[in-house]
Amino acid sequence: MKILILILNVLGFWLMADVAHAEPISLAIAAISEFIGSISIGKLILTVALNVGLSLIEKALAKKEQPQQASAKLEISMGDDHPMSFIMSSYATAGRRKYAGSWGDDGKTPNAYFTDVIEIGSLPNYAGERGLTSVWIDDQEVGVLWEEPHPDGRGYPVLQYRVGSKDYLWIRFLDGTQSGPDAFLTAKFGTEPDRPWKSTMIGLGCQVVILTARYNTDLFSGIPAGLYQPHPVPLYDIRKDSSAGGNGAHRWDNRATWEPTSNPATMIYNLARGVYHGSEWVYGGQNIAAFSLPTANWMAAANACDATVTLDDGSLEPAFRAGYEIQCDQEPLDVISELLKGCNGRMAEVGGVFKMLISTPARQPQRIANRAYANRMGNGGEASGDGWRYRGRGLVQITGRDNYVKYGIADDPGKALDPAKAVEILFDGMINGRFTGKKLADYFCATSTNWIGARKIINSTDRAADIAGYAKKFAAALEATRA
């Protein structure tokens, strides 16, 4: 009983150890209702055409709405009374419906096809017809069969909506570099008496998804709802500009040299100097000279964001990454503020010079653990990541690969946090001396007790006197309960 009391005592004190406008909108709703309800006989009149060919300036003058919250846009918007928007880095959006209509027959079913034209960004990403990274339809990620284009130009079949040899959903992507009206949309809707697809409907500079569905009540309970992640828009990275003190071919005045990035500091730099479509300003700073953003400072900030951290599985990733859909009625400083949150960053302006500081975590625990425990306790070198992988866990903070191997959890070190496993490790290690070679019986027996020396069972003599004092108080409390 005394040994049990001591074990419970030690369990307690060792836990303290260190270690749209209205009318077009109503027409669009009518078109959608026709598609998802019972299909009538005869040709369905095309119900909505919202001008995709507005220039960037016209869009910038569109009616403003409340600024976007910092979250993904999961539901499609309708109409042109929304601000223009664009995506920086990797981000998914439902986009804005610009045109919708039904057409064509499928056997005895008239008006069997529904085509949705959705703008997902007001800047080109120059990524071509395959410029979508990921697509979700009705809450599931889907695959696009890019090698199987439909001959009429409707797009590429979606794998999850193929039944036998028959397809029910196709998708096309326009990357914003299109310079004329889409041939497929013109062929299907160019002669509609109400709202034809006009030659001016180009979508200059806009990324557009064209989604076409074949009527099937088993596959669709309504209009297919999509979420689209386009390839990132290229951005300028001053670190890759050899003419500005960096190393590479990037040039501020040559967009063709730019590359996609998820680096928050690089994204903020581009916003500060201004986002342009060709020579036309779109968003952010205007006429901000390069000297206002000191090269060395911004390079350092970008490098801090790219500093690698080691994950539990030993893989590496950048310390900070970001992705954001910017609504152009948002104040640029509000957007920058959100991006700064994503990299623990700050900005200061003194005399027209803007500097940025990235506050990396003070302790950088992964790096510290990998360095401190390298080549010890069965761990590999610092680059192996074993120091962090086999860091202290559980009731006695079991540390090092050798100790994890002893308890059969080296392949799944997180098991040390399981309560049952943690207690098993505690009892076995202290009774049998599997932590340091010292065990309970070395310090507690029928004739003697050594509270200070018992600290060696776990961790040498670090704070041995303090912990011995805690232990005695716990033991006295436990004994008192027996009285």
Protein backbone atom coordinates (compact mmCIF):
# COMPACT_ATOMS: atom_id res chain seq x y z
CA MET A 1 0.00 0.00 0.00
CA LYS A 2 2.86 2.33 0.84
CA ILE A 3 4.40 1.77 -2.57
CA LEU A 4 1.05 2.53 -4.24
CA ILE A 5 0.78 5.73 -2.25
CA LEU A 6 4.24 6.70 -3.28
CA ILE A 7 3.48 6.01 -6.94
CA LEU A 8 0.32 8.13 -6.78
CA ASN A 9 2.32 10.78 -5.01
CA VAL A 10 5.01 10.79 -7.65
CA LEU A 11 2.35 10.83 -10.39
CA GLY A 12 1.10 14.08 -8.91
CA PHE A 13 4.28 15.96 -8.31
CA TRP A 14 6.15 14.92 -11.43
CA LEU A 15 3.44 16.48 -13.55
CA MET A 16 4.94 19.75 -12.40
CA ALA A 17 8.36 18.91 -13.85
CA ASP A 18 9.84 21.18 -16.52
CA VAL A 19 10.81 19.90 -19.64
CA ALA A 20 -27.15 41.92 -60.84
CA HIS A 21 -29.71 44.48 -61.17
CA ALA A 22 -33.34 43.55 -60.32
CA GLU A 23 -34.79 42.67 -63.74
CA PRO A 24 -31.94 40.47 -64.97
CA ILE A 25 -31.93 38.76 -61.59
CA SER A 26 -35.62 37.87 -61.83
CA LEU A 27 -35.00 36.47 -65.29
CA ALA A 28 -32.12 34.37 -64.04
CA ILE A 29 -34.26 32.93 -61.27
CA ALA A 30 -36.88 32.02 -63.83
CA ALA A 31 -34.32 30.18 -65.95
CA ILE A 32 -33.06 28.25 -62.98
CA SER A 33 -36.58 27.35 -61.90
CA GLU A 34 -37.30 25.97 -65.34
CA PHE A 35 -34.24 23.76 -65.27
CA ILE A 36 -34.75 22.27 -61.86
CA GLY A 37 -38.53 21.92 -62.07
CA SER A 38 -40.59 19.98 -64.58
CA ILE A 39 -39.38 20.70 -68.12
CA SER A 40 -42.04 22.23 -70.38
CA ILE A 41 -42.58 21.41 -74.09
CA GLY A 42 -40.99 23.82 -76.54
CA LYS A 43 -37.97 26.01 -76.49
CA LEU A 44 -37.22 27.71 -73.19
CA ILE A 45 -36.53 31.39 -73.71
CA LEU A 46 -33.12 32.41 -72.54
CA THR A 47 -33.71 34.27 -69.36
CA VAL A 48 -30.66 36.19 -68.32
CA ALA A 49 -27.61 37.78 -69.87
CA LEU A 50 -25.42 39.92 -67.65
CA ASN A 51 -22.71 41.69 -69.56
CA VAL A 52 -19.46 39.84 -68.98
CA GLY A 53 -17.67 42.31 -71.22
CA LEU A 54 -17.65 45.27 -68.83
CA SER A 55 -14.29 46.94 -68.71
CA LEU A 56 -12.30 47.00 -65.51
CA ILE A 57 -13.04 50.69 -65.07
CA GLU A 58 -16.82 50.14 -65.37
CA LYS A 59 -16.61 47.42 -62.78
CA ALA A 60 -14.62 49.60 -60.43
CA LEU A 61 -17.52 52.12 -60.54
CA ALA A 62 -20.10 49.44 -59.68
CA LYS A 63 -22.20 49.89 -56.56
CA LYS A 64 -20.30 48.97 -53.44
CA GLU A 65 -21.42 46.50 -50.80
CA GLN A 66 -20.11 45.71 -47.33
CA PRO A 67 -16.46 44.66 -47.25
CA GLN A 68 -15.78 40.97 -47.43
CA GLN A 69 -15.10 39.05 -44.28
CA ALA A 70 -11.94 36.97 -44.17
CA SER A 71 -13.54 33.68 -45.17
CA ALA A 72 -14.15 31.70 -48.34
CA LYS A 73 -17.13 32.70 -50.48
CA LEU A 74 -19.19 29.53 -50.62
CA GLU A 75 -22.38 30.75 -52.30
CA ILE A 76 -22.63 32.17 -55.81
CA SER A 77 -23.50 35.88 -56.26
CA MET A 78 -25.64 37.23 -59.07
CA GLY A 79 -25.45 40.41 -61.07
CA ASP A 80 -23.16 43.36 -61.72
CA ASP A 81 -23.94 45.38 -58.62
CA HIS A 82 -21.12 43.60 -56.86
CA PRO A 83 -17.57 44.94 -56.72
CA MET A 84 -14.91 43.41 -58.89
CA SER A 85 -12.68 40.95 -57.13
CA PHE A 86 -9.55 38.91 -57.63
CA ILE A 87 -7.79 36.08 -55.85
CA MET A 88 -4.24 36.21 -54.60
CA SER A 89 -2.48 32.90 -54.09
CA SER A 90 -4.50 29.71 -53.48
CA TYR A 91 -8.15 30.32 -52.61
CA ALA A 92 -11.53 28.94 -53.63
CA THR A 93 -14.65 30.92 -54.53
CA ALA A 94 -18.19 30.31 -55.75
CA GLY A 95 -17.89 33.36 -58.01
CA ARG A 96 -20.62 35.52 -59.59
CA ARG A 97 -23.24 34.32 -62.05
CA LYS A 98 -23.01 36.40 -65.24
CA TYR A 99 -25.34 34.46 -67.56
CA ALA A 100 -27.62 31.45 -67.30
CA GLY A 101 -29.82 29.63 -69.79
CA SER A 102 -31.16 26.31 -71.03
CA TRP A 103 -30.88 24.85 -74.50
CA GLY A 104 -30.98 21.67 -76.60
CA ASP A 105 -32.81 18.36 -76.46
CA ASP A 106 -31.75 15.03 -75.06
CA GLY A 107 -33.89 12.32 -76.69
CA LYS A 108 -37.49 13.26 -75.89
CA THR A 109 -36.45 15.76 -73.24
CA PRO A 110 -36.48 19.38 -74.49
CA ASN A 111 -34.34 22.09 -72.94
CA ALA A 112 -32.24 19.38 -71.38
CA TYR A 113 -29.04 21.38 -70.93
CA PHE A 114 -28.35 24.24 -68.55
CA THR A 115 -25.29 26.45 -68.93
CA ASP A 116 -24.03 28.66 -66.13
CA VAL A 117 -21.44 31.38 -66.80
CA ILE A 118 -19.59 32.27 -63.63
CA GLU A 119 -16.92 34.90 -63.16
CA ILE A 120 -14.42 33.86 -60.50
CA GLY A 121 -11.89 36.67 -60.80
CA SER A 122 -11.44 40.06 -62.41
CA LEU A 123 -7.77 39.58 -63.26
CA PRO A 124 -6.26 37.00 -65.62
CA ASN A 125 -4.16 34.20 -64.25
CA TYR A 126 -2.58 33.41 -67.65
CA ALA A 127 -2.89 29.68 -66.90
CA GLY A 128 -4.73 28.51 -70.02
CA GLU A 129 -7.82 26.34 -70.32
CA ARG A 130 -6.61 24.03 -67.57
CA GLY A 131 -6.05 26.86 -65.12
CA LEU A 132 -8.16 25.41 -62.32
CA THR A 133 -6.31 23.78 -59.46
CA SER A 134 -9.36 22.23 -57.79
CA VAL A 135 -13.12 22.06 -58.37
CA TRP A 136 -15.89 21.13 -55.94
CA ILE A 137 -19.45 20.45 -57.14
CA ASP A 138 -22.24 20.07 -54.60
CA ASP A 139 -19.78 19.67 -51.72
CA GLN A 140 -17.52 17.04 -53.28
CA GLU A 141 -14.16 17.54 -54.91
CA VAL A 142 -14.33 16.34 -58.51
CA GLY A 143 -11.97 15.37 -61.27
CA VAL A 144 -11.98 16.98 -64.71
CA LEU A 145 -11.15 14.77 -67.70
CA TRP A 146 -8.92 17.29 -69.43
CA GLU A 147 -8.01 14.92 -72.26
CA GLU A 148 -11.63 14.51 -73.41
CA PRO A 149 -12.96 17.86 -74.71
CA HIS A 150 -16.50 17.85 -76.12
CA PRO A 151 -16.50 18.65 -79.85
CA ASP A 152 -19.10 21.45 -79.57
CA GLY A 153 -16.89 23.44 -77.18
CA ARG A 154 -18.93 23.03 -74.02
CA GLY A 155 -15.86 21.85 -72.19
CA TYR A 156 -14.50 18.81 -70.43
CA PRO A 157 -16.49 16.09 -68.68
CA VAL A 158 -16.50 15.81 -64.92
CA LEU A 159 -15.61 12.30 -63.85
CA GLN A 160 -18.08 11.96 -60.97
CA TYR A 161 -20.97 12.87 -63.28
CA ARG A 162 -20.30 10.20 -65.90
CA VAL A 163 -22.83 7.34 -65.86
CA GLY A 164 -21.72 4.47 -68.04
CA SER A 165 -20.56 6.15 -71.20
CA LYS A 166 -22.85 9.18 -70.84
CA ASP A 167 -21.72 12.49 -69.36
CA TYR A 168 -23.94 14.86 -67.41
CA LEU A 169 -21.60 17.71 -66.47
CA TRP A 170 -18.90 19.64 -68.36
CA ILE A 171 -16.66 22.49 -67.34
CA ARG A 172 -14.59 25.07 -69.21
CA PHE A 173 -12.24 27.71 -67.92
CA LEU A 174 -11.33 31.06 -69.49
CA ASP A 175 -8.16 32.44 -67.94
CA GLY A 176 -8.81 36.14 -68.63
CA THR A 177 -6.69 36.41 -71.77
CA GLN A 178 -9.67 35.80 -74.11
CA SER A 179 -10.02 38.56 -76.72
CA GLY A 180 -13.32 37.69 -78.42
CA PRO A 181 -16.78 36.29 -77.57
CA ASP A 182 -16.88 32.62 -76.69
CA ALA A 183 -17.85 30.49 -79.72
CA PHE A 184 -19.87 27.97 -77.71
CA LEU A 185 -21.94 30.60 -75.91
CA THR A 186 -22.47 32.48 -79.16
CA ALA A 187 -23.65 29.30 -80.89
CA LYS A 188 -26.11 28.40 -78.15
CA PHE A 189 -27.42 31.82 -77.14
CA GLY A 190 -26.42 34.30 -79.89
CA THR A 191 -29.87 34.26 -81.56
CA GLU A 192 -32.00 34.32 -78.40
CA PRO A 193 -34.72 36.95 -78.92
CA ASP A 194 -34.73 38.24 -75.36
CA ARG A 195 -31.12 38.58 -74.21
CA PRO A 196 -28.71 37.23 -76.84
CA TRP A 197 -25.08 36.51 -76.17
CA LYS A 198 -23.53 39.53 -77.88
CA SER A 199 -20.18 40.00 -79.54
CA THR A 200 -19.27 42.46 -76.79
CA MET A 201 -19.58 39.79 -74.12
CA ILE A 202 -15.93 38.85 -73.85
CA GLY A 203 -15.03 39.14 -70.20
CA LEU A 204 -11.84 41.04 -70.86
CA GLY A 205 -9.36 40.28 -68.12
CA CYS A 206 -11.81 38.06 -66.26
CA GLN A 207 -11.44 34.45 -65.21
CA VAL A 208 -14.66 32.65 -66.14
CA VAL A 209 -16.04 29.17 -65.51
CA ILE A 210 -18.62 27.80 -67.98
CA LEU A 211 -20.53 24.95 -66.38
CA THR A 212 -22.98 22.90 -68.47
CA ALA A 213 -25.26 20.25 -66.95
CA ARG A 214 -27.49 17.68 -68.66
CA TYR A 215 -30.88 17.20 -67.00
CA ASN A 216 -30.86 14.28 -64.59
CA THR A 217 -32.95 14.27 -61.43
CA ASP A 218 -30.93 11.41 -59.96
CA LEU A 219 -27.69 13.38 -60.14
CA PHE A 220 -28.91 16.92 -59.53
CA SER A 221 -31.39 18.17 -56.94
CA GLY A 222 -31.01 21.69 -58.34
CA ILE A 223 -28.54 23.85 -60.19
CA PRO A 224 -25.07 22.39 -59.60
CA ALA A 225 -23.31 24.52 -56.99
CA GLY A 226 -19.60 24.91 -57.58
CA LEU A 227 -16.54 26.08 -55.73
CA TYR A 228 -13.50 26.83 -57.87
CA GLN A 229 -9.83 27.27 -57.02
CA PRO A 230 -7.95 28.80 -59.96
CA HIS A 231 -4.21 28.66 -60.40
CA PRO A 232 -2.73 31.68 -58.58
CA VAL A 233 -2.25 35.03 -60.29
CA PRO A 234 1.47 35.68 -60.89
CA LEU A 235 3.06 38.22 -58.55
CA TYR A 236 6.35 40.10 -58.46
CA ASP A 237 8.92 38.87 -55.96
CA ILE A 238 11.72 41.40 -55.34
CA ARG A 239 13.97 38.59 -54.12
CA LYS A 240 13.95 37.20 -57.66
CA ASP A 241 14.87 40.50 -59.37
CA SER A 242 18.59 40.69 -60.04
CA SER A 243 18.23 44.32 -61.13
CA ALA A 244 16.99 45.22 -57.62
CA GLY A 245 19.52 43.30 -55.59
CA GLY A 246 17.86 39.92 -55.76
CA ASN A 247 18.62 36.86 -57.84
CA GLY A 248 16.45 36.03 -60.83
CA ALA A 249 14.56 37.24 -63.88
CA HIS A 250 11.62 39.00 -62.18
CA ARG A 251 11.12 42.60 -63.31
CA TRP A 252 8.43 44.93 -61.97
CA ASP A 253 7.69 46.28 -65.46
CA ASN A 254 7.46 42.85 -67.12
CA ARG A 255 4.57 40.75 -65.82
CA ALA A 256 5.66 37.83 -68.00
CA THR A 257 8.57 37.27 -65.61
CA TRP A 258 6.37 36.97 -62.51
CA GLU A 259 5.38 33.73 -60.80
CA PRO A 260 2.64 32.53 -58.44
CA THR A 261 3.38 32.71 -54.73
CA SER A 262 1.67 32.15 -51.38
CA ASN A 263 4.18 34.30 -49.49
CA PRO A 264 2.24 36.91 -47.41
CA ALA A 265 5.03 39.51 -47.48
CA THR A 266 5.28 39.27 -51.26
CA MET A 267 1.51 39.61 -51.56
CA ILE A 268 1.55 42.74 -49.37
CA TYR A 269 4.44 44.21 -51.39
CA ASN A 270 2.39 43.85 -54.60
CA LEU A 271 -0.67 45.43 -52.97
CA ALA A 272 1.44 48.32 -51.68
CA ARG A 273 2.91 49.08 -55.12
CA GLY A 274 -0.45 48.54 -56.80
CA VAL A 275 -2.26 45.83 -58.75
CA TYR A 276 -2.63 46.53 -62.46
CA HIS A 277 -4.22 44.94 -65.52
CA GLY A 278 -1.81 45.95 -68.22
CA SER A 279 -1.32 49.67 -67.65
CA GLU A 280 -4.71 50.06 -65.96
CA TRP A 281 -4.66 50.42 -62.19
CA VAL A 282 -7.03 48.08 -60.41
CA TYR A 283 -6.34 48.10 -56.69
CA GLY A 284 -3.92 49.01 -53.94
CA GLY A 285 -1.19 51.63 -54.05
CA GLN A 286 -0.73 54.04 -56.92
CA ASN A 287 2.54 55.51 -58.08
CA ILE A 288 4.41 54.05 -55.11
CA ALA A 289 8.11 54.20 -55.94
CA ALA A 290 10.29 51.19 -55.25
CA PHE A 291 12.49 53.20 -52.82
CA SER A 292 9.44 53.56 -50.56
CA LEU A 293 9.67 49.83 -49.92
CA PRO A 294 13.31 49.21 -48.94
CA THR A 295 14.64 46.16 -50.74
CA ALA A 296 16.61 44.62 -47.88
CA ASN A 297 13.70 44.94 -45.45
CA TRP A 298 11.13 43.38 -47.75
CA MET A 299 13.47 40.61 -48.79
CA ALA A 300 14.01 39.78 -45.12
CA ALA A 301 10.26 39.77 -44.45
CA ALA A 302 9.63 37.44 -47.39
CA ASN A 303 12.44 35.15 -46.28
CA ALA A 304 11.01 35.00 -42.76
CA CYS A 305 7.68 33.87 -44.18
CA ASP A 306 9.42 31.19 -46.23
CA ALA A 307 11.49 29.87 -43.32
CA THR A 308 10.75 26.17 -43.06
CA VAL A 309 9.19 24.40 -40.09
CA THR A 310 9.25 20.67 -39.50
CA LEU A 311 5.96 18.80 -39.15
CA ASP A 312 5.39 15.69 -37.06
CA ASP A 313 5.86 13.46 -40.10
CA GLY A 314 9.24 15.01 -40.78
CA SER A 315 8.09 16.98 -43.82
CA LEU A 316 8.82 20.69 -44.17
CA GLU A 317 6.60 23.65 -45.01
CA PRO A 318 6.91 27.45 -44.95
CA ALA A 319 6.31 29.16 -41.64
CA PHE A 320 3.62 31.42 -43.12
CA ARG A 321 1.40 31.12 -46.20
CA ALA A 322 -1.69 33.02 -47.29
CA GLY A 323 -4.52 33.07 -49.83
CA TYR A 324 -7.26 35.68 -50.13
CA GLU A 325 -10.15 36.79 -52.33
CA ILE A 326 -10.01 40.57 -52.45
CA GLN A 327 -13.21 42.52 -53.04
CA CYS A 328 -12.24 45.84 -54.57
CA ASP A 329 -14.58 47.82 -52.32
CA GLN A 330 -12.37 46.83 -49.41
CA GLU A 331 -9.87 49.39 -48.21
CA PRO A 332 -6.42 48.14 -49.21
CA LEU A 333 -5.17 48.71 -45.68
CA ASP A 334 -7.91 46.39 -44.39
CA VAL A 335 -6.74 43.67 -46.75
CA ILE A 336 -3.13 44.22 -45.75
CA SER A 337 -4.17 44.01 -42.12
CA GLU A 338 -5.73 40.59 -42.70
CA LEU A 339 -2.62 39.37 -44.47
CA LEU A 340 -0.44 40.66 -41.65
CA LYS A 341 -2.47 38.58 -39.21
CA GLY A 342 -1.63 35.54 -41.30
CA CYS A 343 2.12 36.03 -40.87
CA ASN A 344 2.35 37.63 -37.43
CA GLY A 345 3.54 40.75 -39.20
CA ARG A 346 3.62 44.49 -38.65
CA MET A 347 4.09 47.48 -40.98
CA ALA A 348 5.39 50.94 -40.21
CA GLU A 349 5.59 54.09 -42.34
CA VAL A 350 8.11 56.80 -41.63
CA GLY A 351 8.55 59.70 -44.03
CA GLY A 352 6.90 57.82 -46.89
CA VAL A 353 9.03 54.71 -46.40
CA PHE A 354 7.20 51.50 -45.58
CA LYS A 355 8.86 48.69 -43.68
CA MET A 356 7.60 45.28 -42.65
CA LEU A 357 8.55 43.03 -39.76
CA ILE A 358 7.64 39.37 -39.39
CA SER A 359 7.57 38.25 -35.78
CA THR A 360 8.44 34.58 -35.89
CA PRO A 361 7.50 32.57 -32.81
CA ALA A 362 9.97 33.41 -30.08
CA ARG A 363 10.84 29.86 -29.16
CA GLN A 364 10.69 28.20 -32.58
CA PRO A 365 10.08 24.90 -30.75
CA GLN A 366 10.64 22.61 -33.73
CA ARG A 367 14.07 24.01 -34.46
CA ILE A 368 15.06 24.09 -30.82
CA ALA A 369 14.00 20.48 -30.22
CA ASN A 370 15.66 19.22 -33.39
CA ARG A 371 18.91 20.89 -32.43
CA ALA A 372 18.89 20.17 -28.69
CA TYR A 373 18.06 16.47 -29.04
CA ALA A 374 20.01 15.69 -32.21
CA ASN A 375 22.11 12.53 -32.05
CA ARG A 376 20.89 11.76 -28.54
CA MET A 377 18.57 9.14 -27.03
CA GLY A 378 18.43 7.26 -30.32
CA ASN A 379 17.54 10.35 -32.36
CA GLY A 380 19.08 11.10 -35.75
CA GLY A 381 20.80 14.34 -36.69
CA GLU A 382 19.14 17.75 -36.63
CA ALA A 383 17.88 17.42 -40.21
CA SER A 384 16.08 14.16 -39.36
CA GLY A 385 13.46 16.01 -37.31
CA ASP A 386 13.62 13.33 -34.60
CA GLY A 387 14.12 15.86 -31.82
CA TRP A 388 10.68 17.33 -32.48
CA ARG A 389 9.08 14.03 -33.50
CA TYR A 390 10.12 12.36 -30.28
CA ARG A 391 9.69 15.40 -28.03
CA GLY A 392 8.40 15.12 -24.49
CA ARG A 393 4.84 13.81 -24.20
CA GLY A 394 2.63 12.22 -21.61
CA LEU A 395 2.66 12.22 -17.82
CA VAL A 396 6.43 11.92 -17.54
CA GLN A 397 7.31 13.70 -20.77
CA ILE A 398 8.85 10.64 -22.40
CA THR A 399 11.57 11.96 -24.72
CA GLY A 400 13.84 10.52 -27.42
CA ARG A 401 13.39 7.76 -29.97
CA ASP A 402 14.84 5.08 -27.72
CA ASN A 403 12.16 5.64 -25.10
CA TYR A 404 9.38 5.62 -27.71
CA VAL A 405 10.76 2.36 -29.07
CA LYS A 406 10.67 0.81 -25.59
CA TYR A 407 6.91 1.27 -25.46
CA GLY A 408 6.18 0.30 -29.07
CA ILE A 409 5.00 3.75 -30.16
CA ALA A 410 7.93 5.00 -32.25
CA ASP A 411 5.78 4.81 -35.40
CA ASP A 412 2.96 6.74 -33.71
CA PRO A 413 4.52 8.94 -31.02
CA GLY A 414 1.26 10.77 -30.39
CA LYS A 415 0.04 7.69 -28.51
CA ALA A 416 2.08 8.84 -25.55
CA LEU A 417 -0.73 11.35 -24.95
CA ASP A 418 -3.37 8.64 -24.65
CA PRO A 419 -4.29 8.52 -20.93
CA ALA A 420 -4.15 4.73 -20.61
CA LYS A 421 -0.81 4.53 -22.41
CA ALA A 422 0.57 7.43 -20.42
CA VAL A 423 -0.27 5.72 -17.10
CA GLU A 424 1.22 2.44 -18.36
CA ILE A 425 4.46 4.25 -19.23
CA LEU A 426 4.50 6.03 -15.86
CA PHE A 427 4.10 2.89 -13.75
CA ASP A 428 6.39 0.68 -15.80
CA GLY A 429 9.12 3.25 -16.12
CA MET A 430 9.24 4.19 -12.45
CA ILE A 431 8.89 0.70 -11.02
CA ASN A 432 11.28 -0.95 -13.45
CA GLY A 433 13.70 1.92 -13.96
CA ARG A 434 13.22 2.19 -17.68
CA PHE A 435 13.71 5.97 -17.88
CA THR A 436 17.14 6.53 -16.31
CA GLY A 437 18.01 3.12 -14.89
CA LYS A 438 16.87 4.24 -11.43
CA LYS A 439 13.64 2.84 -9.96
CA LEU A 440 11.34 3.46 -7.00
CA ALA A 441 12.81 0.60 -4.96
CA ASP A 442 16.20 2.30 -5.04
CA TYR A 443 14.87 5.14 -2.91
CA PHE A 444 11.90 3.80 -0.99
CA CYS A 445 11.90 0.67 1.11
CA ALA A 446 10.73 -0.54 4.51
CA THR A 447 13.62 1.09 6.32
CA SER A 448 14.44 4.27 4.39
CA THR A 449 13.09 6.98 2.11
CA ASN A 450 15.07 9.35 -0.10
CA TRP A 451 12.71 11.95 -1.51
CA ILE A 452 15.43 14.11 -3.04
CA GLY A 453 17.35 11.25 -4.60
CA ALA A 454 14.16 9.81 -6.13
CA ARG A 455 14.19 12.65 -8.63
CA LYS A 456 16.82 10.64 -10.53
CA ILE A 457 14.11 8.15 -11.54
CA ILE A 458 12.87 10.71 -14.05
CA ASN A 459 15.34 13.50 -14.71
CA SER A 460 18.58 13.62 -12.77
CA THR A 461 18.47 16.06 -9.84
CA ASP A 462 16.86 19.06 -11.58
CA ARG A 463 14.84 20.93 -8.93
CA ALA A 464 15.05 17.83 -6.76
CA ALA A 465 14.57 19.63 -3.44
CA ASP A 466 11.51 21.58 -4.62
CA ILE A 467 9.87 18.48 -6.05
CA ALA A 468 10.72 16.47 -2.94
CA GLY A 469 8.84 19.06 -0.89
CA TYR A 470 5.77 18.72 -3.11
CA ALA A 471 6.01 14.94 -2.85
CA LYS A 472 6.07 14.92 0.93
CA LYS A 473 3.00 17.13 1.11
CA PHE A 474 1.11 14.85 -1.31
CA ALA A 475 2.15 11.79 0.67
CA ALA A 476 1.03 13.37 3.96
CA ALA A 477 -2.34 14.28 2.44
CA LEU A 478 -2.83 10.75 1.19
CA GLU A 479 -1.92 9.28 4.58
CA ALA A 480 -4.32 11.66 6.30
CA THR A 481 -7.21 10.28 4.30
CA ARG A 482 -6.57 6.90 5.91
CA ALA A 483 -6.97 8.17 9.44
